[in-house]
Amino acid sequence: MSQPENEDRQSEEQRQQAEAEGSAGASARGFAAMDNEKQRQIASKGGAAVSRNREYMAAIGKKGGERVSQNREHMAAIGKKGGERVSQNREHMASIGRKGGEAVSQDREHMSRIGRKGGES
């Protein structure tokens, strides 16, 4: 077999393999050809660069939050799921209750108002 025929045969086999893998004959180059770890390193640099501009990121987040929060049914469903999930963890709920109780009991004026109301009834 001559050199050009051998190269044609190899390239045809590579094309068929690429199609079988779903890349429709395109050869993997650049970013796509890199191993996953190298891709992650490069992508994280981009993420770090973008996140340095905190005002810009805050504006993006605010826009998204405003957009989502306009759908009250959607927000209620999210809140309900979160509440159900959190309330299943009894230790966590007890911890929240203790923190709240400690914070309220340090407000002596508030506690005295509660006591007076209890004494009136």
Protein backbone atom coordinates (compact mmCIF):
# COMPACT_ATOMS: atom_id res chain seq x y z
CA MET A 1 0.00 0.00 0.00
CA SER A 2 1.39 3.43 -0.92
CA GLN A 3 1.89 6.26 1.56
CA PRO A 4 -1.06 8.44 0.33
CA GLU A 5 -3.42 5.44 0.36
CA ASN A 6 -2.36 4.57 3.90
CA GLU A 7 -2.97 8.19 5.06
CA ASP A 8 -6.38 8.29 3.38
CA ARG A 9 -7.33 5.03 5.05
CA GLN A 10 -6.21 6.28 8.48
CA SER A 11 -8.06 9.58 8.12
CA GLU A 12 -11.23 7.72 7.04
CA GLU A 13 -10.95 5.46 10.09
CA GLN A 14 -10.46 8.50 12.34
CA ARG A 15 -13.49 10.21 10.79
CA GLN A 16 -15.64 7.14 11.35
CA GLN A 17 -14.47 6.84 14.93
CA ALA A 18 -15.22 10.51 15.57
CA GLU A 19 -18.72 10.12 14.12
CA ALA A 20 -19.30 7.08 16.30
CA GLU A 21 -18.28 9.17 19.32
CA GLY A 22 -20.74 11.89 18.35
CA SER A 23 -18.44 14.65 17.16
CA ALA A 24 -19.67 14.42 13.54
CA GLY A 25 -16.22 14.11 12.03
CA ALA A 26 -14.68 17.15 13.69
CA SER A 27 -11.26 16.56 15.13
CA ALA A 28 -10.74 17.55 18.74
CA ARG A 29 -8.51 20.60 18.89
CA GLY A 30 -7.69 23.27 21.42
CA PHE A 31 -9.82 23.28 24.55
CA ALA A 32 -11.83 20.20 23.51
CA ALA A 33 -8.66 18.15 23.08
CA MET A 34 -7.37 18.93 26.58
CA ASP A 35 -7.82 16.53 29.45
CA ASN A 36 -10.51 17.36 32.01
CA GLU A 37 -8.10 18.65 34.65
CA LYS A 38 -6.50 21.12 32.25
CA GLN A 39 -9.96 22.32 31.14
CA ARG A 40 -10.96 22.85 34.79
CA GLN A 41 -7.80 24.87 35.47
CA ILE A 42 -8.45 27.16 32.52
CA ALA A 43 -12.14 27.53 33.32
CA SER A 44 -11.42 28.39 36.95
CA LYS A 45 -9.11 31.21 35.84
CA GLY A 46 -11.98 32.68 33.83
CA GLY A 47 -14.33 32.36 36.77
CA ALA A 48 -11.82 34.01 39.09
CA ALA A 49 -11.31 36.89 36.67
CA VAL A 50 -15.03 37.54 36.36
CA SER A 51 -15.68 37.27 40.09
CA ARG A 52 -13.07 39.96 40.87
CA ASN A 53 -15.53 42.58 39.65
CA ARG A 54 -17.90 42.29 42.63
CA GLU A 55 -20.20 45.15 41.59
CA TYR A 56 -20.77 43.59 38.19
CA MET A 57 -21.45 40.17 39.71
CA ALA A 58 -23.83 41.72 42.26
CA ALA A 59 -25.74 43.45 39.46
CA ILE A 60 -26.08 40.18 37.57
CA GLY A 61 -27.32 38.39 40.67
CA LYS A 62 -29.77 41.16 41.47
CA LYS A 63 -31.25 41.02 37.97
CA GLY A 64 -31.70 37.27 38.24
CA GLY A 65 -33.23 37.56 41.69
CA GLU A 66 -35.67 40.24 40.58
CA ARG A 67 -36.69 38.17 37.59
CA VAL A 68 -37.30 35.00 39.55
CA SER A 69 -38.98 36.69 42.51
CA GLN A 70 -41.74 38.09 40.29
CA ASN A 71 -43.19 34.59 40.03
CA ARG A 72 -44.77 34.32 43.48
CA GLU A 73 -46.03 30.76 43.04
CA HIS A 74 -42.54 29.62 42.05
CA MET A 75 -40.99 31.36 45.04
CA ALA A 76 -43.60 29.86 47.39
CA ALA A 77 -42.85 26.37 46.07
CA ILE A 78 -39.12 26.91 46.61
CA GLY A 79 -39.69 28.16 50.15
CA LYS A 80 -41.99 25.27 50.97
CA LYS A 81 -39.45 22.70 49.73
CA GLY A 82 -36.69 24.37 51.74
CA GLY A 83 -38.81 24.54 54.87
CA GLU A 84 -39.80 20.89 54.59
CA ARG A 85 -36.19 19.86 54.06
CA VAL A 86 -34.80 21.89 56.95
CA SER A 87 -37.54 20.92 59.39
CA GLN A 88 -36.70 17.22 58.94
CA ASN A 89 -33.37 17.84 60.68
CA ARG A 90 -34.50 18.02 64.32
CA GLU A 91 -31.06 18.85 65.69
CA HIS A 92 -30.78 21.80 63.30
CA MET A 93 -34.23 23.06 64.25
CA ALA A 94 -33.40 22.76 67.97
CA SER A 95 -30.20 24.74 67.36
CA ILE A 96 -32.15 27.49 65.59
CA GLY A 97 -34.65 27.62 68.44
CA ARG A 98 -31.90 27.89 71.06
CA LYS A 99 -30.20 30.72 69.19
CA GLY A 100 -33.49 32.58 68.90
CA GLY A 101 -34.32 32.02 72.55
CA GLU A 102 -30.90 33.23 73.66
CA ALA A 103 -31.12 36.35 71.50
CA VAL A 104 -34.62 37.24 72.73
CA SER A 105 -33.87 36.54 76.38
CA GLN A 106 -30.97 39.00 76.27
CA ASP A 107 -33.45 41.77 75.41
CA ARG A 108 -34.61 42.43 78.99
CA GLU A 109 -37.15 45.05 77.98
CA HIS A 110 -38.83 42.63 75.57
CA MET A 111 -38.86 39.88 78.18
CA SER A 112 -40.44 42.19 80.77
CA ARG A 113 -43.21 43.13 78.28
CA ILE A 114 -43.90 39.43 77.70
CA GLY A 115 -44.00 38.84 81.46
CA ARG A 116 -46.44 41.71 82.04
CA LYS A 117 -48.76 40.39 79.31
CA GLY A 118 -48.67 36.95 80.89
CA GLY A 119 -49.47 38.39 84.30
CA GLU A 120 -52.47 40.35 82.91
CA SER A 121 -54.23 37.33 81.45
